[in-house]
Structure formats: structure tokens, C-alpha cells
C-alpha atoms as a PDB file:
ATOM      1  CA  MET A   1      13.767 -27.559 -35.785  1.00  0.00           C
ATOM      2  CA  ASN A   2      15.363 -30.776 -37.070  1.00  0.00           C
ATOM      3  CA  ILE A   3      18.717 -31.329 -35.340  1.00  0.00           C
ATOM      4  CA  SER A   4      20.774 -34.130 -33.763  1.00  0.00           C
ATOM      5  CA  LEU A   5      23.691 -34.123 -31.357  1.00  0.00           C
ATOM      6  CA  ALA A   6      26.023 -34.678 -34.342  1.00  0.00           C
ATOM      7  CA  ASP A   7      25.069 -31.255 -35.677  1.00  0.00           C
ATOM      8  CA  PHE A   8      26.844 -29.473 -32.796  1.00  0.00           C
ATOM      9  CA  ASP A   9      30.181 -30.522 -34.319  1.00  0.00           C
ATOM     10  CA  ALA A  10      29.445 -31.155 -38.003  1.00  0.00           C
ATOM     11  CA  HIS A  11      26.991 -28.300 -38.561  1.00  0.00           C
ATOM     12  CA  PRO A  12      27.546 -25.733 -35.788  1.00  0.00           C
ATOM     13  CA  GLU A  13      25.609 -23.084 -37.818  1.00  0.00           C
ATOM     14  CA  LYS A  14      22.455 -25.128 -37.208  1.00  0.00           C
ATOM     15  CA  VAL A  15      22.770 -24.511 -33.456  1.00  0.00           C
ATOM     16  CA  SER A  16      24.273 -21.054 -33.540  1.00  0.00           C
ATOM     17  CA  LYS A  17      22.427 -17.759 -33.230  1.00  0.00           C
ATOM     18  CA  GLN A  18      23.302 -14.103 -33.772  1.00  0.00           C
ATOM     19  CA  THR A  19      21.581 -11.794 -31.284  1.00  0.00           C
ATOM     20  CA  VAL A  20      21.656  -8.140 -30.167  1.00  0.00           C
ATOM     21  CA  LEU A  21      21.602  -7.206 -26.492  1.00  0.00           C
ATOM     22  CA  SER A  22      19.576  -4.340 -25.010  1.00  0.00           C
ATOM     23  CA  ASN A  23      22.736  -2.228 -25.002  1.00  0.00           C
ATOM     24  CA  GLY A  24      23.125  -2.725 -28.773  1.00  0.00           C
ATOM     25  CA  GLN A  25      26.004  -5.209 -28.517  1.00  0.00           C
ATOM     26  CA  GLU A  26      25.934  -7.908 -31.148  1.00  0.00           C
ATOM     27  CA  VAL A  27      26.726 -11.360 -29.749  1.00  0.00           C
ATOM     28  CA  LEU A  28      27.092 -14.706 -31.514  1.00  0.00           C
ATOM     29  CA  LEU A  29      25.933 -17.812 -29.612  1.00  0.00           C
ATOM     30  CA  ARG A  30      27.846 -20.844 -30.893  1.00  0.00           C
ATOM     31  CA  PRO A  31      29.374 -24.169 -29.716  1.00  0.00           C
ATOM     32  CA  LEU A  32      32.948 -24.292 -28.464  1.00  0.00           C
ATOM     33  CA  ARG A  33      35.552 -25.019 -31.177  1.00  0.00           C
ATOM     34  CA  PRO A  34      38.997 -26.648 -30.862  1.00  0.00           C
ATOM     35  CA  ASP A  35      40.640 -23.294 -31.764  1.00  0.00           C
ATOM     36  CA  ASP A  36      38.899 -21.425 -28.902  1.00  0.00           C
ATOM     37  CA  ALA A  37      41.402 -22.165 -26.146  1.00  0.00           C
ATOM     38  CA  SER A  38      42.934 -18.685 -26.106  1.00  0.00           C
ATOM     39  CA  ILE A  39      39.650 -16.721 -25.895  1.00  0.00           C
ATOM     40  CA  LEU A  40      38.077 -19.215 -23.507  1.00  0.00           C
ATOM     41  CA  GLY A  41      41.140 -19.006 -21.253  1.00  0.00           C
ATOM     42  CA  SER A  42      41.015 -15.203 -21.366  1.00  0.00           C
ATOM     43  CA  TYR A  43      37.335 -15.401 -20.345  1.00  0.00           C
ATOM     44  CA  PHE A  44      38.055 -17.735 -17.450  1.00  0.00           C
ATOM     45  CA  LEU A  45      40.914 -15.551 -16.152  1.00  0.00           C
ATOM     46  CA  SER A  46      38.928 -12.310 -16.509  1.00  0.00           C
ATOM     47  CA  LEU A  47      36.213 -13.349 -14.063  1.00  0.00           C
ATOM     48  CA  SER A  48      36.077 -11.896 -10.579  1.00  0.00           C
ATOM     49  CA  GLN A  49      36.741 -14.119  -7.593  1.00  0.00           C
ATOM     50  CA  GLU A  50      33.037 -13.834  -6.575  1.00  0.00           C
ATOM     51  CA  THR A  51      31.889 -15.085 -10.025  1.00  0.00           C
ATOM     52  CA  ARG A  52      34.430 -17.889  -9.904  1.00  0.00           C
ATOM     53  CA  SER A  53      33.242 -18.942  -6.451  1.00  0.00           C
ATOM     54  CA  LEU A  54      29.691 -19.484  -7.722  1.00  0.00           C
ATOM     55  CA  PHE A  55      30.697 -21.966 -10.411  1.00  0.00           C
ATOM     56  CA  ALA A  56      31.357 -25.580  -9.337  1.00  0.00           C
ATOM     57  CA  PRO A  57      31.878 -27.886 -12.371  1.00  0.00           C
ATOM     58  CA  HIS A  58      35.548 -27.069 -13.082  1.00  0.00           C
ATOM     59  CA  PRO A  59      38.306 -24.461 -12.373  1.00  0.00           C
ATOM     60  CA  PHE A  60      38.433 -21.222 -14.424  1.00  0.00           C
ATOM     61  CA  ASP A  61      42.037 -21.291 -15.714  1.00  0.00           C
ATOM     62  CA  GLN A  62      43.998 -21.625 -18.973  1.00  0.00           C
ATOM     63  CA  ALA A  63      44.886 -25.230 -18.416  1.00  0.00           C
ATOM     64  CA  THR A  64      41.150 -26.105 -18.160  1.00  0.00           C
ATOM     65  CA  ALA A  65      40.384 -24.080 -21.353  1.00  0.00           C
ATOM     66  CA  ASP A  66      43.153 -25.924 -23.174  1.00  0.00           C
ATOM     67  CA  ALA A  67      41.876 -29.335 -22.051  1.00  0.00           C
ATOM     68  CA  LEU A  68      38.234 -28.566 -22.922  1.00  0.00           C
ATOM     69  CA  CYS A  69      39.129 -27.477 -26.420  1.00  0.00           C
ATOM     70  CA  ALA A  70      41.280 -30.558 -26.961  1.00  0.00           C
ATOM     71  CA  GLN A  71      38.495 -33.007 -26.016  1.00  0.00           C
ATOM     72  CA  ILE A  72      35.292 -31.695 -27.649  1.00  0.00           C
ATOM     73  CA  ASP A  73      32.634 -34.423 -28.004  1.00  0.00           C
ATOM     74  CA  SER A  74      29.229 -33.012 -28.660  1.00  0.00           C
ATOM     75  CA  THR A  75      27.572 -36.404 -28.572  1.00  0.00           C
ATOM     76  CA  ARG A  76      28.026 -36.174 -24.730  1.00  0.00           C
ATOM     77  CA  GLU A  77      28.218 -32.500 -24.037  1.00  0.00           C
ATOM     78  CA  MET A  78      28.074 -29.008 -25.550  1.00  0.00           C
ATOM     79  CA  ARG A  79      29.715 -25.886 -24.338  1.00  0.00           C
ATOM     80  CA  LEU A  80      27.818 -22.808 -25.679  1.00  0.00           C
ATOM     81  CA  LEU A  81      29.799 -19.585 -25.965  1.00  0.00           C
ATOM     82  CA  ALA A  82      28.528 -16.052 -26.358  1.00  0.00           C
ATOM     83  CA  VAL A  83      31.151 -14.284 -28.459  1.00  0.00           C
ATOM     84  CA  ALA A  84      31.242 -10.473 -28.857  1.00  0.00           C
ATOM     85  CA  LYS A  85      33.477  -8.574 -31.292  1.00  0.00           C
ATOM     86  CA  GLU A  86      35.413  -5.802 -29.672  1.00  0.00           C
ATOM     87  CA  GLY A  87      37.217  -3.985 -32.481  1.00  0.00           C
ATOM     88  CA  LYS A  88      39.025  -6.718 -34.476  1.00  0.00           C
ATOM     89  CA  THR A  89      39.179  -9.126 -31.597  1.00  0.00           C
ATOM     90  CA  GLU A  90      36.637 -11.714 -30.358  1.00  0.00           C
ATOM     91  CA  ARG A  91      35.808 -11.980 -26.681  1.00  0.00           C
ATOM     92  CA  VAL A  92      33.890 -14.727 -24.853  1.00  0.00           C
ATOM     93  CA  VAL A  93      31.317 -12.963 -22.668  1.00  0.00           C
ATOM     94  CA  ALA A  94      29.354 -16.009 -21.427  1.00  0.00           C
ATOM     95  CA  TYR A  95      29.826 -19.784 -21.219  1.00  0.00           C
ATOM     96  CA  PHE A  96      27.191 -22.392 -20.654  1.00  0.00           C
ATOM     97  CA  ILE A  97      27.906 -26.114 -20.095  1.00  0.00           C
ATOM     98  CA  THR A  98      25.320 -28.656 -21.232  1.00  0.00           C
ATOM     99  CA  LEU A  99      25.765 -32.353 -20.489  1.00  0.00           C
ATOM    100  CA  PHE A 100      23.699 -34.830 -22.425  1.00  0.00           C
ATOM    101  CA  TYR A 101      24.030 -37.359 -19.628  1.00  0.00           C
ATOM    102  CA  ILE A 102      23.526 -37.512 -15.876  1.00  0.00           C
ATOM    103  CA  TYR A 103      26.292 -37.937 -13.420  1.00  0.00           C
ATOM    104  CA  ASP A 104      25.894 -41.177 -11.411  1.00  0.00           C
ATOM    105  CA  GLY A 105      25.865 -39.260  -8.112  1.00  0.00           C
ATOM    106  CA  ASP A 106      23.118 -36.908  -9.332  1.00  0.00           C
ATOM    107  CA  ALA A 107      21.105 -39.891 -10.603  1.00  0.00           C
ATOM    108  CA  LYS A 108      21.298 -41.594  -7.155  1.00  0.00           C
ATOM    109  CA  ARG A 109      20.319 -38.407  -5.325  1.00  0.00           C
ATOM    110  CA  TYR A 110      17.339 -37.669  -7.513  1.00  0.00           C
ATOM    111  CA  GLU A 111      16.242 -41.277  -7.358  1.00  0.00           C
ATOM    112  CA  GLU A 112      16.121 -40.980  -3.531  1.00  0.00           C
ATOM    113  CA  TRP A 113      13.904 -37.894  -3.935  1.00  0.00           C
ATOM    114  CA  GLY A 114      11.494 -39.779  -6.203  1.00  0.00           C
ATOM    115  CA  ILE A 115      12.658 -38.216  -9.425  1.00  0.00           C
ATOM    116  CA  PRO A 116      14.366 -40.894 -11.576  1.00  0.00           C
ATOM    117  CA  LEU A 117      16.634 -39.303 -14.197  1.00  0.00           C
ATOM    118  CA  SER A 118      17.692 -40.762 -17.596  1.00  0.00           C
ATOM    119  CA  ASP A 119      20.324 -39.846 -20.180  1.00  0.00           C
ATOM    120  CA  LYS A 120      17.592 -40.136 -22.803  1.00  0.00           C
ATOM    121  CA  THR A 121      15.234 -37.535 -21.264  1.00  0.00           C
ATOM    122  CA  ASP A 122      17.318 -35.336 -19.012  1.00  0.00           C
ATOM    123  CA  CYS A 123      20.265 -33.017 -19.484  1.00  0.00           C
ATOM    124  CA  GLN A 124      22.403 -30.875 -17.073  1.00  0.00           C
ATOM    125  CA  ILE A 125      23.386 -27.241 -17.441  1.00  0.00           C
ATOM    126  CA  ALA A 126      25.845 -24.877 -15.704  1.00  0.00           C
ATOM    127  CA  PRO A 127      25.835 -21.199 -16.833  1.00  0.00           C
ATOM    128  CA  SER A 128      28.343 -18.388 -16.284  1.00  0.00           C
ATOM    129  CA  ALA A 129      28.691 -14.841 -17.648  1.00  0.00           C
ATOM    130  CA  ALA A 130      31.405 -12.197 -17.623  1.00  0.00           C
ATOM    131  CA  ASP A 131      31.013  -9.742 -14.756  1.00  0.00           C
ATOM    132  CA  ASP A 132      30.290  -6.788 -17.066  1.00  0.00           C
ATOM    133  CA  TYR A 133      27.601  -8.795 -18.961  1.00  0.00           C
ATOM    134  CA  GLN A 134      25.652  -9.961 -15.955  1.00  0.00           C
ATOM    135  CA  GLY A 135      22.270  -8.276 -15.849  1.00  0.00           C
ATOM    136  CA  THR A 136      22.248  -7.476 -19.591  1.00  0.00           C
ATOM    137  CA  GLY A 137      19.716 -10.180 -20.502  1.00  0.00           C
ATOM    138  CA  LEU A 138      22.407 -12.349 -22.146  1.00  0.00           C
ATOM    139  CA  GLY A 139      21.786 -15.247 -19.765  1.00  0.00           C
ATOM    140  CA  SER A 140      18.095 -15.335 -20.599  1.00  0.00           C
ATOM    141  CA  ILE A 141      18.818 -15.223 -24.311  1.00  0.00           C
ATOM    142  CA  MET A 142      21.261 -18.076 -24.032  1.00  0.00           C
ATOM    143  CA  LEU A 143      19.076 -20.280 -21.891  1.00  0.00           C
ATOM    144  CA  SER A 144      16.036 -19.585 -24.098  1.00  0.00           C
ATOM    145  CA  HIS A 145      18.189 -20.732 -27.089  1.00  0.00           C
ATOM    146  CA  LEU A 146      19.255 -23.863 -25.229  1.00  0.00           C
ATOM    147  CA  VAL A 147      15.694 -24.706 -24.254  1.00  0.00           C
ATOM    148  CA  GLU A 148      14.671 -24.563 -27.874  1.00  0.00           C
ATOM    149  CA  LEU A 149      17.577 -26.901 -28.816  1.00  0.00           C
ATOM    150  CA  PHE A 150      16.807 -29.275 -25.894  1.00  0.00           C
ATOM    151  CA  ARG A 151      13.152 -29.615 -26.944  1.00  0.00           C
ATOM    152  CA  ALA A 152      14.178 -30.236 -30.598  1.00  0.00           C
ATOM    153  CA  LEU A 153      16.516 -32.980 -29.323  1.00  0.00           C
ATOM    154  CA  GLY A 154      13.711 -34.606 -27.320  1.00  0.00           C
ATOM    155  CA  TYR A 155      14.851 -33.806 -23.834  1.00  0.00           C
ATOM    156  CA  GLN A 156      12.182 -33.368 -21.223  1.00  0.00           C
ATOM    157  CA  ARG A 157      13.974 -31.825 -18.233  1.00  0.00           C
ATOM    158  CA  MET A 158      17.107 -29.898 -17.347  1.00  0.00           C
ATOM    159  CA  VAL A 159      19.001 -30.278 -14.071  1.00  0.00           C
ATOM    160  CA  LEU A 160      21.116 -27.510 -12.635  1.00  0.00           C
ATOM    161  CA  LEU A 161      24.629 -28.979 -12.525  1.00  0.00           C
ATOM    162  CA  GLY A 162      26.212 -28.349  -9.122  1.00  0.00           C
ATOM    163  CA  GLY A 163      23.097 -26.589  -7.785  1.00  0.00           C
ATOM    164  CA  VAL A 164      22.944 -22.889  -6.830  1.00  0.00           C
ATOM    165  CA  ARG A 165      24.100 -21.094  -3.658  1.00  0.00           C
ATOM    166  CA  GLN A 166      21.100 -20.247  -1.419  1.00  0.00           C
ATOM    167  CA  HIS A 167      22.367 -16.657  -0.896  1.00  0.00           C
ATOM    168  CA  ASN A 168      22.500 -16.050  -4.661  1.00  0.00           C
ATOM    169  CA  LYS A 169      18.938 -14.701  -4.876  1.00  0.00           C
ATOM    170  CA  GLN A 170      19.425 -13.150  -8.313  1.00  0.00           C
ATOM    171  CA  ALA A 171      20.421 -16.499  -9.811  1.00  0.00           C
ATOM    172  CA  ILE A 172      17.575 -18.276  -8.097  1.00  0.00           C
ATOM    173  CA  ARG A 173      15.059 -15.788  -9.517  1.00  0.00           C
ATOM    174  CA  PHE A 174      16.650 -16.242 -12.924  1.00  0.00           C
ATOM    175  CA  TYR A 175      16.244 -20.082 -12.780  1.00  0.00           C
ATOM    176  CA  GLU A 176      12.700 -19.822 -11.449  1.00  0.00           C
ATOM    177  CA  ARG A 177      11.700 -17.696 -14.482  1.00  0.00           C
ATOM    178  CA  PHE A 178      12.660 -20.720 -16.622  1.00  0.00           C
ATOM    179  CA  GLY A 179      10.573 -23.102 -14.541  1.00  0.00           C
ATOM    180  CA  PHE A 180      13.281 -24.433 -12.229  1.00  0.00           C
ATOM    181  CA  ARG A 181      12.032 -25.707  -8.849  1.00  0.00           C
ATOM    182  CA  THR A 182      14.011 -26.584  -5.735  1.00  0.00           C
ATOM    183  CA  VAL A 183      14.256 -30.299  -5.063  1.00  0.00           C
ATOM    184  CA  ALA A 184      16.578 -30.464  -2.082  1.00  0.00           C
ATOM    185  CA  GLU A 185      19.151 -28.548  -0.038  1.00  0.00           C
ATOM    186  CA  PHE A 186      22.806 -29.516   0.378  1.00  0.00           C
ATOM    187  CA  THR A 187      25.921 -27.934   1.820  1.00  0.00           C
ATOM    188  CA  THR A 188      29.462 -27.899   0.412  1.00  0.00           C
ATOM    189  CA  LYS A 189      31.308 -24.699   1.241  1.00  0.00           C
ATOM    190  CA  ALA A 190      27.928 -23.015   1.683  1.00  0.00           C
ATOM    191  CA  PRO A 191      24.215 -23.937   1.626  1.00  0.00           C
ATOM    192  CA  ASN A 192      22.917 -24.750  -1.882  1.00  0.00           C
ATOM    193  CA  TYR A 193      19.774 -25.844  -3.677  1.00  0.00           C
ATOM    194  CA  HIS A 194      19.418 -28.687  -6.161  1.00  0.00           C
ATOM    195  CA  MET A 195      17.042 -27.466  -8.935  1.00  0.00           C
ATOM    196  CA  ILE A 196      15.342 -29.057 -11.957  1.00  0.00           C
ATOM    197  CA  ALA A 197      13.002 -27.767 -14.671  1.00  0.00           C
ATOM    198  CA  ASP A 198      10.545 -29.345 -17.044  1.00  0.00           C
ATOM    199  CA  LEU A 199      10.932 -28.586 -20.741  1.00  0.00           C
END
């Protein structure tokens, strides 16, 4: 696959994928577009409080959806949507953040643990899925697609942005299937793990 970061905006079809879930639902994986504020906001607001509590990078509300769609810059980040058609309407059923840079705080922490990170070799991800699509295999399909893109772009590792709650055993098993390993523990509102995976 021959792609560059510029393709996410200029040629989104190069990084998009049509897929069918085990329940027969067709889903399109594609980058966030400026005109997605309404469906992204609906997705954010539809999530249960439990799902919201497991996601750390930003709030799930309409104001955030509006801001994200107004400031798309795929040379630094890409927000991958899974969009399902329900009748004549489109619905976002999953949302994965990818950052093509490392936060300074994460770089310092990983350096202390003997794992130097670089914007050239490492990216960060943060996944979420609609409550009724969790457990359908959609997350695995999306992360597999992203891993293929990351490798084509020359990235060597992916860091789990914001970590994962220690009590979220299902998520931990999901990440471990993709090669993530625990690097350290930390506590915010609850105990969490920092995790990283080789590509």
C-alpha cells in the first residue's frame, strides 16, 4: 500500500474500507469529514455513561464534535469513523482517534521507563464503539485496518492514548490480541495501565 498522511484528507478513498460485520451489517470505515458534526455529535450523545467514563481524550458532546469537524488536520491526526446506513440515514457506530505525534507528557513518562518515543516512529490511538456494536467484532476490524495503514506509513509502534482501566478486562484482552503489553500502572479516577504495541 502506497499512502501518505496527505491522503487522509485529499484521497480519503485510499484509506477507507467497506466491511460486513458478523451480523450482516454493512459498515464503511472512513476518515472524519468537516460535514460530519451532526452524526458525530449524535454518536457522542448516544453513548451510555459507562462507555463515556472509559474514554479519556475528550468529552463526548456536540460542542466537541463541532470543534473536531472544524479543525481537521490529518497531517497530525486522523479520526476514523465506522458509519452504518440505517434506512436512509447514516449513523456513526464507532470512532477511533489516531495521533501521528506523541504528547510531551507521554514522551517523558515512556522515557523514564526506558522506552523512548518519537513522532517519526510512534503513534497514539484511542478507540470507542457504540454500546450496541460492542462485541460485534467491529473494533477488531477497525484496529486491523489501522495497523495496516500505520505499517504503510512507516510507524513502528502504537501507544494507547490515556491508557486503559484495570477493571476493564474485556478491553485489556482486546488490546493484548493486537500485541499490546503493559508498561506501567497509574491512577486518575481509577487504576489504569499504560500499554504499547509493536507494529
